[in-house]
């Protein structure tokens, strides 16, 4: 029973993390700064989850990355591409619609 709950929770969380990450890349962020931004909003994400997600988003051309070597420690910064901006707007609308519908569906279950 617990393994089913855990598996379904992970599945549900996976899609929401993509939306959360995209929403924070309107301005360039490096991995650790992105983790901190998300945690401030109550969303925890492990770096072992974040970096593969960022690589996938880059491969899908939703984000671009560049290295900043101006400081002692080089950092790879990620930011939304034009396609990423468009996809984020679409996903945001879809999320708002689905969450409203789901809320209406589930609110009667507590009665």
C-alpha atoms as a PDB file:
ATOM      1  CA  UNK A   1       0.000   0.000   0.000  1.00  0.00           C
ATOM      2  CA  UNK A   2       2.771   2.468   0.934  1.00  0.00           C
ATOM      3  CA  UNK A   3       4.719   1.645  -2.242  1.00  0.00           C
ATOM      4  CA  UNK A   4       1.645   2.420  -4.364  1.00  0.00           C
ATOM      5  CA  UNK A   5       1.131   5.735  -2.563  1.00  0.00           C
ATOM      6  CA  UNK A   6       4.801   6.608  -2.973  1.00  0.00           C
ATOM      7  CA  UNK A   7       4.806   5.677  -6.658  1.00  0.00           C
ATOM      8  CA  UNK A   8       1.685   7.696  -7.446  1.00  0.00           C
ATOM      9  CA  UNK A   9       2.928  10.672  -5.413  1.00  0.00           C
ATOM     10  CA  UNK A  10       6.208  10.604  -7.335  1.00  0.00           C
ATOM     11  CA  UNK A  11       4.338  10.461 -10.629  1.00  0.00           C
ATOM     12  CA  UNK A  12       2.137  13.409  -9.653  1.00  0.00           C
ATOM     13  CA  UNK A  13       5.130  15.422  -8.440  1.00  0.00           C
ATOM     14  CA  UNK A  14       7.231  14.837 -11.569  1.00  0.00           C
ATOM     15  CA  UNK A  15       5.010  16.953 -13.833  1.00  0.00           C
ATOM     16  CA  UNK A  16       4.605  19.722 -11.306  1.00  0.00           C
ATOM     17  CA  UNK A  17       8.377  20.011 -10.856  1.00  0.00           C
ATOM     18  CA  UNK A  18       8.797  20.687 -14.565  1.00  0.00           C
ATOM     19  CA  UNK A  19       6.313  23.537 -14.374  1.00  0.00           C
ATOM     20  CA  UNK A  20       7.911  24.868 -11.179  1.00  0.00           C
ATOM     21  CA  UNK A  21      11.406  24.856 -12.714  1.00  0.00           C
ATOM     22  CA  UNK A  22      10.280  26.516 -15.938  1.00  0.00           C
ATOM     23  CA  UNK A  23       8.488  29.216 -13.940  1.00  0.00           C
ATOM     24  CA  UNK A  24      11.734  30.203 -12.237  1.00  0.00           C
ATOM     25  CA  UNK A  25      13.837  30.464 -15.376  1.00  0.00           C
ATOM     26  CA  UNK A  26      12.497  33.776 -16.672  1.00  0.00           C
ATOM     27  CA  UNK A  27      15.799  35.148 -15.419  1.00  0.00           C
ATOM     28  CA  UNK A  28      19.063  33.187 -15.641  1.00  0.00           C
ATOM     29  CA  UNK A  29      19.635  30.806 -12.721  1.00  0.00           C
ATOM     30  CA  UNK A  30      22.333  28.293 -11.910  1.00  0.00           C
ATOM     31  CA  UNK A  31      21.467  24.999 -10.264  1.00  0.00           C
ATOM     32  CA  UNK A  32      21.947  25.902  -6.625  1.00  0.00           C
ATOM     33  CA  UNK A  33      20.182  29.274  -6.952  1.00  0.00           C
ATOM     34  CA  UNK A  34      17.265  27.462  -8.578  1.00  0.00           C
ATOM     35  CA  UNK A  35      17.088  24.961  -5.687  1.00  0.00           C
ATOM     36  CA  UNK A  36      17.022  27.885  -3.239  1.00  0.00           C
ATOM     37  CA  UNK A  37      14.285  29.745  -5.160  1.00  0.00           C
ATOM     38  CA  UNK A  38      12.109  26.654  -5.264  1.00  0.00           C
ATOM     39  CA  UNK A  39      12.676  25.898  -1.581  1.00  0.00           C
ATOM     40  CA  UNK A  40      11.619  29.456  -0.661  1.00  0.00           C
ATOM     41  CA  UNK A  41       8.282  28.603  -2.273  1.00  0.00           C
ATOM     42  CA  UNK A  42       8.034  25.337  -0.346  1.00  0.00           C
ATOM     43  CA  UNK A  43       9.071  23.097  -3.231  1.00  0.00           C
ATOM     44  CA  UNK A  44      11.980  20.843  -2.395  1.00  0.00           C
ATOM     45  CA  UNK A  45      14.011  19.336  -5.205  1.00  0.00           C
ATOM     46  CA  UNK A  46      17.186  17.315  -5.003  1.00  0.00           C
ATOM     47  CA  UNK A  47      20.077  18.277  -7.250  1.00  0.00           C
ATOM     48  CA  UNK A  48      20.055  14.677  -8.503  1.00  0.00           C
ATOM     49  CA  UNK A  49      16.539  15.396  -9.813  1.00  0.00           C
ATOM     50  CA  UNK A  50      17.142  18.966 -10.956  1.00  0.00           C
ATOM     51  CA  UNK A  51      20.164  18.531 -13.233  1.00  0.00           C
ATOM     52  CA  UNK A  52      18.718  15.695 -15.348  1.00  0.00           C
ATOM     53  CA  UNK A  53      15.511  17.756 -15.639  1.00  0.00           C
ATOM     54  CA  UNK A  54      17.483  20.821 -16.795  1.00  0.00           C
ATOM     55  CA  UNK A  55      19.374  18.713 -19.353  1.00  0.00           C
ATOM     56  CA  UNK A  56      16.088  17.303 -20.661  1.00  0.00           C
ATOM     57  CA  UNK A  57      14.563  20.799 -20.908  1.00  0.00           C
ATOM     58  CA  UNK A  58      17.634  21.984 -22.781  1.00  0.00           C
ATOM     59  CA  UNK A  59      17.440  19.027 -25.158  1.00  0.00           C
ATOM     60  CA  UNK A  60      13.777  19.906 -25.782  1.00  0.00           C
ATOM     61  CA  UNK A  61      14.973  23.472 -26.531  1.00  0.00           C
ATOM     62  CA  UNK A  62      12.839  24.952 -23.744  1.00  0.00           C
ATOM     63  CA  UNK A  63      15.888  26.367 -21.950  1.00  0.00           C
ATOM     64  CA  UNK A  64      19.332  27.458 -23.011  1.00  0.00           C
ATOM     65  CA  UNK A  65      22.454  27.414 -20.917  1.00  0.00           C
ATOM     66  CA  UNK A  66      25.723  29.281 -20.812  1.00  0.00           C
ATOM     67  CA  UNK A  67      28.796  29.218 -18.621  1.00  0.00           C
ATOM     68  CA  UNK A  68      29.810  32.184 -16.483  1.00  0.00           C
ATOM     69  CA  UNK A  69      33.516  31.954 -15.758  1.00  0.00           C
ATOM     70  CA  UNK A  70      33.934  35.485 -14.390  1.00  0.00           C
ATOM     71  CA  UNK A  71      34.133  34.265 -10.778  1.00  0.00           C
ATOM     72  CA  UNK A  72      36.406  31.718  -9.109  1.00  0.00           C
ATOM     73  CA  UNK A  73      33.841  28.996  -9.555  1.00  0.00           C
ATOM     74  CA  UNK A  74      32.406  28.609 -13.073  1.00  0.00           C
ATOM     75  CA  UNK A  75      28.621  28.329 -13.104  1.00  0.00           C
ATOM     76  CA  UNK A  76      26.252  27.122 -15.754  1.00  0.00           C
ATOM     77  CA  UNK A  77      23.245  29.415 -16.028  1.00  0.00           C
ATOM     78  CA  UNK A  78      19.905  28.298 -17.448  1.00  0.00           C
ATOM     79  CA  UNK A  79      17.178  30.545 -18.867  1.00  0.00           C
ATOM     80  CA  UNK A  80      13.981  30.050 -20.841  1.00  0.00           C
ATOM     81  CA  UNK A  81      14.290  30.091 -24.616  1.00  0.00           C
ATOM     82  CA  UNK A  82      11.618  31.734 -26.788  1.00  0.00           C
ATOM     83  CA  UNK A  83       9.999  28.320 -27.156  1.00  0.00           C
ATOM     84  CA  UNK A  84      10.248  27.842 -23.385  1.00  0.00           C
ATOM     85  CA  UNK A  85       8.440  31.136 -22.755  1.00  0.00           C
ATOM     86  CA  UNK A  86       5.624  30.017 -25.057  1.00  0.00           C
ATOM     87  CA  UNK A  87       5.426  26.536 -23.527  1.00  0.00           C
ATOM     88  CA  UNK A  88       5.448  27.956 -19.983  1.00  0.00           C
ATOM     89  CA  UNK A  89       2.498  30.224 -20.822  1.00  0.00           C
ATOM     90  CA  UNK A  90       0.603  27.249 -22.258  1.00  0.00           C
ATOM     91  CA  UNK A  91       1.417  24.985 -19.293  1.00  0.00           C
ATOM     92  CA  UNK A  92       0.441  27.682 -16.829  1.00  0.00           C
ATOM     93  CA  UNK A  93      -2.995  28.065 -18.451  1.00  0.00           C
ATOM     94  CA  UNK A  94      -3.395  24.292 -18.577  1.00  0.00           C
ATOM     95  CA  UNK A  95      -2.379  23.966 -14.913  1.00  0.00           C
ATOM     96  CA  UNK A  96      -4.853  26.648 -13.828  1.00  0.00           C
ATOM     97  CA  UNK A  97      -7.675  24.994 -15.783  1.00  0.00           C
ATOM     98  CA  UNK A  98      -6.886  21.477 -14.558  1.00  0.00           C
ATOM     99  CA  UNK A  99      -6.360  22.457 -10.936  1.00  0.00           C
ATOM    100  CA  UNK A 100      -9.690  24.330 -10.890  1.00  0.00           C
ATOM    101  CA  UNK A 101     -11.479  21.349 -12.420  1.00  0.00           C
ATOM    102  CA  UNK A 102      -9.795  18.908 -10.054  1.00  0.00           C
ATOM    103  CA  UNK A 103     -10.554  21.079  -7.049  1.00  0.00           C
ATOM    104  CA  UNK A 104     -14.244  21.158  -8.012  1.00  0.00           C
ATOM    105  CA  UNK A 105     -14.224  17.405  -8.512  1.00  0.00           C
ATOM    106  CA  UNK A 106     -12.530  16.606  -5.206  1.00  0.00           C
ATOM    107  CA  UNK A 107     -14.136  19.158  -2.887  1.00  0.00           C
ATOM    108  CA  UNK A 108     -17.349  17.116  -2.645  1.00  0.00           C
ATOM    109  CA  UNK A 109     -15.456  14.054  -1.383  1.00  0.00           C
ATOM    110  CA  UNK A 110     -14.864  15.549   2.075  1.00  0.00           C
ATOM    111  CA  UNK A 111     -18.564  15.936   2.794  1.00  0.00           C
END
